[in-house]
Protein backbone atom coordinates (compact mmCIF):
# COMPACT_ATOMS: atom_id res chain seq x y z
CA UNK A 1 0.29 -0.08 -0.32
CA UNK A 2 2.76 2.52 0.23
CA UNK A 3 4.97 1.66 -1.96
CA UNK A 4 1.23 2.26 -4.55
CA UNK A 5 1.21 5.51 -2.84
CA UNK A 6 4.33 6.78 -3.50
CA UNK A 7 4.86 5.91 -7.02
CA UNK A 8 1.22 7.67 -7.33
CA UNK A 9 2.89 10.69 -5.91
CA UNK A 10 6.02 10.30 -7.87
CA UNK A 11 3.63 9.90 -11.32
CA UNK A 12 1.24 12.80 -9.95
CA UNK A 13 4.44 15.17 -9.88
CA UNK A 14 5.59 14.24 -13.29
CA UNK A 15 2.49 15.16 -14.60
CA UNK A 16 2.21 18.82 -13.13
CA UNK A 17 5.66 19.51 -13.76
CA UNK A 18 4.93 18.27 -17.74
CA UNK A 19 1.71 20.14 -17.94
CA UNK A 20 3.59 23.38 -15.98
CA UNK A 21 6.27 22.32 -19.10
CA UNK A 22 3.62 22.27 -21.94
CA UNK A 23 1.72 25.11 -20.75
CA UNK A 24 0.70 27.93 -23.01
CA UNK A 25 2.80 30.75 -23.60
CA UNK A 26 0.81 34.42 -24.33
CA UNK A 27 0.49 35.73 -27.69
CA UNK A 28 -1.37 39.18 -28.90
CA UNK A 29 -2.39 40.36 -32.28
CA UNK A 30 -3.48 43.91 -31.72
CA UNK A 31 -4.01 47.10 -30.09
CA UNK A 32 -7.34 48.88 -31.33
CA UNK A 33 -6.76 51.89 -30.95
CA UNK A 34 -3.93 51.69 -32.22
CA UNK A 35 -2.76 55.41 -31.62
CA UNK A 36 -4.37 58.25 -29.78
CA UNK A 37 -4.28 62.36 -29.59
CA UNK A 38 -1.47 63.59 -27.36
CA UNK A 39 -3.42 65.66 -24.61
CA UNK A 40 -6.26 62.36 -24.08
CA UNK A 41 -6.97 59.58 -22.48
CA UNK A 42 -7.88 57.03 -24.76
CA UNK A 43 -9.53 53.53 -23.51
CA UNK A 44 -7.95 50.41 -26.07
CA UNK A 45 -8.39 46.41 -26.55
CA UNK A 46 -5.57 44.31 -26.90
CA UNK A 47 -6.45 41.27 -28.62
CA UNK A 48 -4.33 38.50 -27.19
CA UNK A 49 -4.44 34.81 -26.74
CA UNK A 50 -3.86 32.38 -22.98
CA UNK A 51 -3.88 35.46 -20.24
CA UNK A 52 -6.48 33.55 -18.48
CA UNK A 53 -9.07 36.64 -17.60
CA UNK A 54 -5.70 39.33 -17.53
CA UNK A 55 -2.37 40.33 -17.20
CA UNK A 56 0.27 43.07 -16.14
CA UNK A 57 0.47 45.72 -19.03
CA UNK A 58 3.02 48.56 -19.67
CA UNK A 59 3.32 50.83 -22.41
CA UNK A 60 7.11 52.52 -22.62
CA UNK A 61 8.33 55.78 -23.22
CA UNK A 62 8.17 59.23 -22.03
CA UNK A 63 4.45 61.07 -21.87
CA UNK A 64 2.08 57.57 -21.73
CA UNK A 65 0.81 56.51 -18.86
CA UNK A 66 -0.95 53.00 -18.54
CA UNK A 67 -3.19 51.18 -16.48
CA UNK A 68 -0.71 48.01 -14.86
CA UNK A 69 -2.92 45.45 -15.96
CA UNK A 70 -5.57 44.78 -18.81
CA UNK A 71 -8.60 42.85 -17.95
CA UNK A 72 -10.81 40.20 -20.29
CA UNK A 73 -13.62 41.90 -21.57
CA UNK A 74 -16.24 40.60 -24.20
CA UNK A 75 -14.74 40.16 -27.26
CA UNK A 76 -16.26 41.97 -30.58
CA UNK A 77 -17.11 39.83 -33.02
CA UNK A 78 -18.49 39.72 -36.92
CA UNK A 79 -19.26 36.72 -38.34
CA UNK A 80 -18.81 37.85 -41.96
CA UNK A 81 -19.39 35.81 -45.20
CA UNK A 82 -18.65 32.23 -45.67
CA UNK A 83 -15.81 30.96 -46.43
CA UNK A 84 -15.59 28.02 -49.05
CA UNK A 85 -12.95 25.48 -49.47
CA UNK A 86 -10.12 25.83 -49.57
CA UNK A 87 -9.99 29.28 -48.34
CA UNK A 88 -11.99 27.58 -45.53
CA UNK A 89 -9.18 25.33 -44.49
CA UNK A 90 -6.91 28.19 -43.99
CA UNK A 91 -5.69 28.67 -40.23
CA UNK A 92 -7.26 31.62 -38.61
CA UNK A 93 -6.66 32.57 -34.82
CA UNK A 94 -9.30 34.51 -32.86
CA UNK A 95 -7.85 36.49 -29.74
CA UNK A 96 -10.00 37.62 -27.24
CA UNK A 97 -10.56 41.41 -26.36
CA UNK A 98 -9.12 42.81 -22.94
CA UNK A 99 -9.31 46.17 -21.86
CA UNK A 100 -6.88 48.78 -21.04
CA UNK A 101 -6.00 52.48 -20.97
CA UNK A 102 -3.45 55.48 -21.57
CA UNK A 103 -3.22 58.38 -20.52
CA UNK A 104 -1.31 60.73 -23.15
CA UNK A 105 0.29 64.09 -22.03
CA UNK A 106 -0.49 66.77 -23.84
CA UNK A 107 3.37 67.53 -24.45
CA UNK A 108 4.00 63.90 -25.03
CA UNK A 109 6.63 63.68 -28.04
CA UNK A 110 5.02 62.59 -31.27
CA UNK A 111 5.77 58.82 -32.29
CA UNK A 112 5.61 55.18 -31.24
CA UNK A 113 5.06 53.80 -28.13
CA UNK A 114 6.28 49.90 -27.57
CA UNK A 115 4.02 47.99 -25.20
CA UNK A 116 4.18 44.60 -23.35
CA UNK A 117 2.50 41.81 -21.71
CA UNK A 118 3.76 38.97 -19.99
CA UNK A 119 2.43 36.34 -17.47
CA UNK A 120 4.29 33.61 -15.67
CA UNK A 121 4.98 31.60 -19.20
CA UNK A 122 6.49 34.30 -21.21
CA UNK A 123 6.29 37.94 -22.23
CA UNK A 124 5.04 39.58 -25.66
CA UNK A 125 6.11 42.68 -27.06
CA UNK A 126 7.05 44.58 -30.29
CA UNK A 127 4.27 45.66 -30.82
CA UNK A 128 3.54 49.75 -31.06
CA UNK A 129 0.72 52.71 -30.02
CA UNK A 130 1.07 55.86 -31.74
CA UNK A 131 0.58 59.38 -30.27
CA UNK A 132 -0.23 61.83 -32.99
CA UNK A 133 -1.41 65.41 -32.90
CA UNK A 134 -4.24 65.41 -34.84
CA UNK A 135 -7.51 65.25 -33.51
CA UNK A 136 -8.58 61.37 -33.80
CA UNK A 137 -11.45 59.35 -33.39
CA UNK A 138 -12.40 55.78 -33.37
CA UNK A 139 -14.51 53.83 -35.73
CA UNK A 140 -17.90 52.64 -33.96
CA UNK A 141 -18.15 49.13 -35.82
CA UNK A 142 -21.41 47.89 -36.85
CA UNK A 143 -22.29 44.53 -38.31
CA UNK A 144 -23.75 44.56 -41.95
CA UNK A 145 -23.64 46.35 -44.58
CA UNK A 146 -21.54 49.81 -44.83
CA UNK A 147 -23.03 53.14 -43.67
CA UNK A 148 -20.71 56.57 -44.46
CA UNK A 149 -19.77 58.08 -41.45
CA UNK A 150 -18.99 61.53 -41.66
CA UNK A 151 -15.47 63.27 -40.31
CA UNK A 152 -14.35 66.69 -40.13
CA UNK A 153 -10.77 67.20 -41.64
CA UNK A 154 -8.52 67.37 -40.20
CA UNK A 155 -8.74 63.84 -38.72
CA UNK A 156 -6.80 60.31 -37.95
CA UNK A 157 -9.24 57.91 -38.03
CA UNK A 158 -8.71 54.26 -35.71
CA UNK A 159 -10.81 52.07 -37.86
CA UNK A 160 -10.37 48.20 -38.69
CA UNK A 161 -11.28 45.97 -41.55
CA UNK A 162 -13.79 43.24 -39.80
CA UNK A 163 -15.04 41.12 -41.28
CA UNK A 164 -14.04 39.31 -44.08
CA UNK A 165 -14.80 41.60 -47.20
CA UNK A 166 -15.46 44.52 -44.99
CA UNK A 167 -16.03 48.40 -46.08
CA UNK A 168 -15.41 50.98 -44.57
CA UNK A 169 -16.88 54.43 -45.70
CA UNK A 170 -15.79 57.83 -44.50
CA UNK A 171 -17.42 61.24 -45.64
CA UNK A 172 -16.07 64.56 -45.80
CA UNK A 173 -16.99 68.13 -47.29
CA UNK A 174 -13.99 69.93 -49.80
CA UNK A 175 -14.27 72.75 -51.67
CA UNK A 176 -13.48 73.32 -54.91
CA UNK A 177 -9.94 73.45 -55.93
CA UNK A 178 -9.12 72.16 -52.62
CA UNK A 179 -6.19 69.51 -52.03
CA UNK A 180 -7.08 66.79 -49.67
CA UNK A 181 -4.47 64.12 -48.39
CA UNK A 182 -6.13 60.70 -47.80
CA UNK A 183 -3.10 58.71 -45.80
CA UNK A 184 -3.05 54.98 -44.62
CA UNK A 185 -0.60 53.57 -41.57
CA UNK A 186 -1.33 49.66 -41.20
CA UNK A 187 1.24 47.65 -42.59
CA UNK A 188 3.89 49.94 -40.79
CA UNK A 189 2.27 49.04 -37.54
CA UNK A 190 2.35 45.15 -37.75
CA UNK A 191 -1.11 45.07 -39.19
CA UNK A 192 -2.02 42.46 -42.01
CA UNK A 193 -4.33 45.10 -43.85
CA UNK A 194 -3.03 45.63 -47.19
CA UNK A 195 -5.17 48.74 -47.73
CA UNK A 196 -6.83 50.16 -50.63
CA UNK A 197 -8.56 53.83 -51.16
CA UNK A 198 -11.16 54.72 -53.34
CA UNK A 199 -12.20 58.03 -53.07
CA UNK A 200 -15.66 58.73 -55.00
CA UNK A 201 -17.90 62.49 -55.40
CA UNK A 202 -21.19 63.00 -54.80
CA UNK A 203 -22.08 61.57 -58.11
CA UNK A 204 -20.62 58.43 -57.13
CA UNK A 205 -18.18 58.76 -59.45
CA UNK A 206 -14.49 57.46 -58.94
CA UNK A 207 -12.13 60.31 -58.24
CA UNK A 208 -8.79 58.57 -57.38
CA UNK A 209 -7.80 55.37 -55.96
CA UNK A 210 -4.55 54.21 -54.70
CA UNK A 211 -2.96 50.74 -53.34
CA UNK A 212 0.50 51.01 -52.43
CA UNK A 213 2.37 53.68 -51.49
CA UNK A 214 4.31 53.30 -48.53
CA UNK A 215 4.75 49.59 -49.71
CA UNK A 216 1.19 48.19 -49.06
CA UNK A 217 -0.12 51.27 -46.90
CA UNK A 218 -1.81 53.42 -49.50
CA UNK A 219 -1.80 57.09 -49.97
CA UNK A 220 -3.74 59.28 -52.17
CA UNK A 221 -4.07 63.05 -52.67
CA UNK A 222 -6.57 65.19 -55.60
CA UNK A 223 -8.25 68.36 -55.56
CA UNK A 224 -11.68 68.74 -55.59
CA UNK A 225 -13.61 69.18 -58.77
CA UNK A 226 -16.03 71.43 -57.32
CA UNK A 227 -17.91 72.19 -53.92
CA UNK A 228 -19.21 68.86 -52.38
CA UNK A 229 -19.43 65.37 -50.15
CA UNK A 230 -16.72 62.77 -50.80
CA UNK A 231 -16.78 59.56 -49.51
CA UNK A 232 -13.48 57.63 -48.98
CA UNK A 233 -13.78 53.72 -49.18
CA UNK A 234 -11.25 51.63 -47.68
CA UNK A 235 -10.85 48.09 -47.66
CA UNK A 236 -8.34 45.39 -47.71
CA UNK A 237 -6.82 44.48 -51.43
CA UNK A 238 -7.85 40.59 -51.17
CA UNK A 239 -11.21 41.85 -49.48
CA UNK A 240 -9.91 39.88 -46.30
CA UNK A 241 -10.15 40.96 -42.81
CA UNK A 242 -10.48 40.04 -39.12
CA UNK A 243 -9.60 41.67 -35.58
CA UNK A 244 -5.90 42.63 -36.72
CA UNK A 245 -6.85 44.44 -39.41
CA UNK A 246 -6.28 47.73 -37.96
CA UNK A 247 -5.38 50.67 -39.41
CA UNK A 248 -4.85 54.53 -39.14
CA UNK A 249 -6.39 57.15 -41.84
CA UNK A 250 -5.19 60.08 -41.90
CA UNK A 251 -7.37 63.05 -44.04
CA UNK A 252 -6.08 66.23 -43.99
CA UNK A 253 -6.85 69.42 -46.11
CA UNK A 254 -3.80 71.24 -44.23
CA UNK A 255 -0.20 70.80 -44.64
CA UNK A 256 1.37 66.88 -45.15
CA UNK A 257 4.82 67.02 -46.35
CA UNK A 258 5.84 64.46 -48.93
CA UNK A 259 9.87 65.89 -48.54
CA UNK A 260 12.48 67.68 -47.54
CA UNK A 261 15.34 69.31 -48.35
CA UNK A 262 18.26 68.86 -47.03
CA UNK A 263 17.44 65.08 -46.58
CA UNK A 264 18.90 65.29 -42.65
CA UNK A 265 21.52 66.67 -40.77
CA UNK A 266 24.29 66.35 -38.03
CA UNK A 267 23.11 65.11 -34.38
CA UNK A 268 22.16 67.99 -31.95
CA UNK A 269 22.01 70.35 -34.41
CA UNK A 270 19.89 72.90 -36.02
CA UNK A 271 18.89 72.47 -39.20
CA UNK A 272 16.56 74.76 -41.63
CA UNK A 273 14.24 72.46 -43.67
CA UNK A 274 12.61 73.08 -46.88
CA UNK A 275 9.27 71.44 -46.54
CA UNK A 276 7.55 70.09 -50.04
CA UNK A 277 3.85 68.91 -49.98
CA UNK A 278 0.26 69.67 -49.28
CA UNK A 279 -0.08 73.47 -47.93
CA UNK A 280 3.24 73.68 -46.67
CA UNK A 281 5.31 76.71 -45.62
CA UNK A 282 6.85 78.58 -48.21
CA UNK A 283 9.85 79.71 -45.63
CA UNK A 284 11.95 76.85 -44.26
CA UNK A 285 11.31 75.82 -40.94
CA UNK A 286 14.47 74.64 -38.33
CA UNK A 287 14.43 72.03 -35.83
CA UNK A 288 16.95 70.79 -33.33
CA UNK A 289 17.73 67.46 -34.42
CA UNK A 290 18.27 64.86 -31.14
CA UNK A 291 21.16 63.98 -29.82
CA UNK A 292 21.17 60.06 -30.65
CA UNK A 293 22.89 57.51 -32.98
CA UNK A 294 23.53 58.36 -36.65
CA UNK A 295 20.49 56.71 -38.62
CA UNK A 296 16.96 56.91 -40.13
CA UNK A 297 14.18 59.07 -38.10
CA UNK A 298 10.96 59.93 -38.10
CA UNK A 299 11.29 64.04 -37.35
CA UNK A 300 8.17 65.55 -37.08
CA UNK A 301 8.54 69.65 -38.31
CA UNK A 302 6.81 72.71 -36.06
CA UNK A 303 4.29 74.09 -38.00
CA UNK A 304 1.53 76.92 -36.94
CA UNK A 305 -1.41 75.17 -35.89
CA UNK A 306 -0.69 71.10 -36.02
CA UNK A 307 3.04 69.20 -36.09
CA UNK A 308 3.27 67.67 -39.28
CA UNK A 309 3.10 64.54 -40.33
CA UNK A 310 6.25 62.39 -39.57
CA UNK A 311 9.13 62.19 -42.55
CA UNK A 312 11.95 59.90 -42.48
CA UNK A 313 15.53 62.11 -42.68
CA UNK A 314 18.92 61.11 -41.97
CA UNK A 315 20.94 61.69 -38.83
CA UNK A 316 24.71 61.69 -39.42
CA UNK A 317 27.60 62.34 -36.57
CA UNK A 318 29.97 64.08 -39.00
CA UNK A 319 29.82 67.96 -40.54
CA UNK A 320 27.43 68.40 -42.98
CA UNK A 321 27.81 71.61 -45.84
CA UNK A 322 24.39 72.40 -48.42
CA UNK A 323 25.27 72.60 -51.59
CA UNK A 324 25.34 76.57 -53.07
CA UNK A 325 24.64 77.36 -56.29
CA UNK A 326 26.33 77.99 -58.89
CA UNK A 327 28.54 74.99 -58.25
CA UNK A 328 29.39 73.53 -61.71
CA UNK A 329 33.21 75.26 -61.88
CA UNK A 330 35.88 74.41 -59.84
CA UNK A 331 35.99 74.84 -56.62
CA UNK A 332 39.10 77.74 -55.34
CA UNK A 333 37.71 78.16 -51.97
CA UNK A 334 35.46 76.58 -49.10
CA UNK A 335 36.58 73.11 -49.34
CA UNK A 336 34.86 70.97 -47.11
CA UNK A 337 37.16 68.76 -44.45
CA UNK A 338 36.97 65.49 -45.11
CA UNK A 339 35.10 63.19 -43.59
CA UNK A 340 32.21 65.18 -43.90
CA UNK A 341 28.55 64.64 -45.96
């Protein structure tokens, strides 16, 4: 009897150890909305697996303060159209929604903030939450046929293409001759969405469309042919859609920077940039570049009402020199001392 009891205890201990070893590590597929305007408090949902009711949560970087824990809530779900074989045999995962909240300081630096969550079985990181400057809205998701939602410009829209074959429609006013830029941020923040934008006028005539601009993220700019209401459609190019297919869509008739000159500068120095794009200022804009290592950097330029969209510039540790025209003849003075940019 004693021997049998000991064998049972040893076997039970081994089973428990094995169960602990094979316990599922947590994973996270999205945060929605994927960003917020500085100076606001943003409730969000994290789609995750194996959190068993909730987990600790942390958002890193200055100017953000997130609740220290996310908790399980009812998962938003739309069934969508029937999937026929063989597509129905493809793998799909269905994460559970967990609620959290983040307070964004009014002077928070613009750009991405990493976040992470963890359990006793591991940690999840690598995702981003974007701090913006423009007014923001979050899509009020509904099941069924898409209903146009009116927005005022400028705006950053936080939306999601869900379920499969979903199309979101955003409606706004534009004046004749007015230039409007519509820019998607999705794949660059880890969303599987391969976006397509289509713009229609008040007579349902197609005005402009775009599929790929920043990789698979779309951007279109149009000049309104007449005063009126315009409708912007966004969907996945393959009409896919699921919980992680989140996006940020900025629509503005104000400044939008396409390019800058020079293309960068020496770290820690003040540089005067010429901004090229929609409604950009005629005068150069001066910024002091950050003290950090050389490489690519997302720079936001200060403008009268809102900061610009981020523009990728190159930071260097070397002294820099700007071309001065005319420079077609052999230089006689002022040669740069190398190394330099």
